[in-house]
Amino acid sequence: MKHSTLSLAAASLCALLAALPAAAAEHALEVDLAGIKDARGQVRVGLYADAKTFRKEEQALAVKTAPAAAGAVRVRFDGLAPGRYAIMAYHDEDGNGQLNRRLGMFPTEGYGLSNNPKVMGPPAFDDSAFELPLPGGGLRIEMRY
């Protein structure tokens, strides 16, 4: 009886140790959106892991929404694997679920990108890409209006 109890305990310990690397590989990412002009609508934050899907919200790895607040809003992504990611966020002031654009190209609502790159034309994944895990676990994105 002692032998089977010891074997069961050893098997349980092995299973627990085998699960640790998977749990340790998951990271959280906190994103602070700064410079939100008012509390109308919501903010939408898309997390992307692939240049081909960048800026296509319906193909984002994950999308977080939060009520807009004048000043700053924080969202959090949990359970992320180490890797290369990029973020595009926007202030959906009218609540229609999309970034409004003039002539189909120029944003008429506030938006922000990880790394806060200066862009001319459509933003590129490589300009906004960062490696996770990040020191401190967070990003600050300046919203542009």
Protein backbone atom coordinates (compact mmCIF):
# COMPACT_ATOMS: atom_id res chain seq x y z
CA MET A 1 0.00 0.00 0.00
CA LYS A 2 2.84 2.38 0.87
CA HIS A 3 4.47 1.71 -2.49
CA SER A 4 1.31 2.59 -4.48
CA THR A 5 0.78 5.78 -2.44
CA LEU A 6 4.39 6.80 -3.05
CA SER A 7 4.06 6.01 -6.77
CA LEU A 8 0.87 8.06 -6.99
CA ALA A 9 2.53 11.00 -5.22
CA ALA A 10 5.56 10.78 -7.54
CA ALA A 11 3.31 10.65 -10.63
CA SER A 12 1.34 13.66 -9.38
CA LEU A 13 4.55 15.61 -8.76
CA CYS A 14 5.83 14.78 -12.25
CA ALA A 15 2.56 15.93 -13.81
CA LEU A 16 2.72 19.18 -11.85
CA LEU A 17 6.32 19.83 -12.86
CA ALA A 18 5.51 19.08 -16.50
CA ALA A 19 2.76 21.70 -16.42
CA LEU A 20 4.99 24.44 -14.97
CA PRO A 21 6.84 25.41 -18.17
CA ALA A 22 3.54 25.96 -19.99
CA ALA A 23 2.21 28.15 -17.19
CA ALA A 24 5.50 30.04 -16.94
CA ALA A 25 5.43 30.75 -20.69
CA GLU A 26 2.22 32.77 -20.45
CA HIS A 27 2.52 36.52 -20.02
CA ALA A 28 0.23 39.43 -19.34
CA LEU A 29 0.42 42.67 -21.29
CA GLU A 30 -0.96 45.93 -19.92
CA VAL A 31 -1.61 48.66 -22.46
CA ASP A 32 -2.07 52.27 -21.34
CA LEU A 33 -3.77 54.50 -23.89
CA ALA A 34 -2.80 58.11 -23.12
CA GLY A 35 -4.23 61.35 -24.45
CA ILE A 36 -7.84 60.27 -24.95
CA LYS A 37 -9.70 63.50 -25.63
CA ASP A 38 -13.09 62.70 -24.07
CA ALA A 39 -15.34 60.01 -22.59
CA ARG A 40 -17.58 59.50 -25.64
CA GLY A 41 -17.86 55.94 -26.92
CA GLN A 42 -15.25 53.28 -26.26
CA VAL A 43 -11.66 52.42 -27.01
CA ARG A 44 -10.82 49.30 -29.00
CA VAL A 45 -7.39 47.69 -28.78
CA GLY A 46 -6.36 45.04 -31.30
CA LEU A 47 -3.42 42.72 -30.63
CA TYR A 48 -1.75 41.25 -33.72
CA ALA A 49 0.86 38.53 -34.12
CA ASP A 50 1.16 38.60 -37.91
CA ALA A 51 1.97 41.32 -40.45
CA LYS A 52 -0.66 39.89 -42.84
CA THR A 53 -3.49 40.52 -40.40
CA PHE A 54 -2.24 43.82 -38.90
CA ARG A 55 -4.96 46.49 -38.85
CA LYS A 56 -7.66 43.96 -39.82
CA GLU A 57 -9.55 43.88 -36.54
CA GLU A 58 -11.65 40.85 -37.47
CA GLN A 59 -8.38 38.89 -37.84
CA ALA A 60 -6.70 40.19 -34.67
CA LEU A 61 -5.30 37.69 -32.20
CA ALA A 62 -7.40 39.44 -29.53
CA VAL A 63 -9.45 42.64 -29.21
CA LYS A 64 -10.18 44.42 -25.93
CA THR A 65 -12.77 47.15 -25.51
CA ALA A 66 -13.23 49.56 -22.63
CA PRO A 67 -15.35 52.64 -22.01
CA ALA A 68 -13.52 55.77 -23.12
CA ALA A 69 -12.36 58.17 -20.42
CA ALA A 70 -10.79 61.59 -20.87
CA GLY A 71 -7.07 61.20 -20.27
CA ALA A 72 -6.12 57.52 -20.09
CA VAL A 73 -7.54 54.01 -20.25
CA ARG A 74 -5.79 50.71 -19.45
CA VAL A 75 -6.58 47.31 -20.96
CA ARG A 76 -4.93 43.98 -20.22
CA PHE A 77 -4.25 40.92 -22.35
CA ASP A 78 -3.60 37.71 -20.39
CA GLY A 79 -2.24 34.31 -21.32
CA LEU A 80 0.08 35.42 -24.11
CA ALA A 81 2.98 33.31 -25.31
CA PRO A 82 6.40 34.91 -25.77
CA GLY A 83 6.72 36.33 -29.26
CA ARG A 84 6.44 39.31 -31.56
CA TYR A 85 3.25 41.37 -31.44
CA ALA A 86 1.90 44.77 -32.52
CA ILE A 87 -1.07 46.84 -31.32
CA MET A 88 -3.43 49.20 -33.04
CA ALA A 89 -5.94 51.02 -30.86
CA TYR A 90 -8.62 53.56 -31.66
CA HIS A 91 -11.20 55.73 -29.94
CA ASP A 92 -14.54 54.54 -31.33
CA GLU A 93 -16.36 57.73 -30.44
CA ASP A 94 -19.58 56.90 -32.28
CA GLY A 95 -19.66 53.23 -31.19
CA ASN A 96 -19.91 51.80 -34.70
CA GLY A 97 -17.10 49.26 -34.12
CA GLN A 98 -14.72 50.67 -36.70
CA LEU A 99 -12.14 53.43 -37.15
CA ASN A 100 -13.86 56.14 -39.17
CA ARG A 101 -11.82 57.52 -42.07
CA ARG A 102 -12.12 60.47 -44.42
CA LEU A 103 -11.79 59.40 -48.07
CA GLY A 104 -11.32 55.86 -46.79
CA MET A 105 -7.75 56.64 -45.70
CA PHE A 106 -7.38 59.41 -43.10
CA PRO A 107 -8.56 58.59 -39.55
CA THR A 108 -11.23 60.94 -38.22
CA GLU A 109 -11.19 59.29 -34.77
CA GLY A 110 -8.23 59.03 -32.45
CA TYR A 111 -5.86 56.11 -32.94
CA GLY A 112 -2.56 54.82 -31.56
CA LEU A 113 0.07 52.22 -32.34
CA SER A 114 2.55 50.31 -30.22
CA ASN A 115 6.00 51.99 -30.34
CA ASN A 116 4.21 55.26 -31.22
CA PRO A 117 5.77 55.41 -34.71
CA LYS A 118 5.35 58.44 -36.95
CA VAL A 119 3.48 57.22 -39.99
CA MET A 120 2.79 58.50 -43.45
CA GLY A 121 0.22 56.25 -45.05
CA PRO A 122 -0.96 52.95 -43.62
CA PRO A 123 1.00 51.87 -40.52
CA ALA A 124 3.26 48.83 -40.89
CA PHE A 125 3.46 45.87 -38.50
CA ASP A 126 7.26 46.11 -38.31
CA ASP A 127 7.13 49.74 -37.11
CA SER A 128 4.81 48.79 -34.26
CA ALA A 129 6.18 45.34 -33.41
CA PHE A 130 7.58 44.52 -29.97
CA GLU A 131 8.83 41.37 -28.25
CA LEU A 132 6.94 39.85 -25.36
CA PRO A 133 7.81 39.52 -22.52
CA LEU A 134 8.40 43.22 -22.02
CA PRO A 135 10.39 44.61 -19.11
CA GLY A 136 7.70 45.82 -16.72
CA GLY A 137 4.98 44.03 -18.70
CA GLY A 138 3.39 47.13 -20.22
CA LEU A 139 3.16 49.58 -23.09
CA ARG A 140 2.15 53.22 -23.29
CA ILE A 141 0.45 54.30 -26.49
CA GLU A 142 -0.13 57.96 -27.30
CA MET A 143 -3.48 58.53 -29.01
CA ARG A 144 -3.47 60.85 -32.03
CA TYR A 145 -6.43 62.90 -33.16
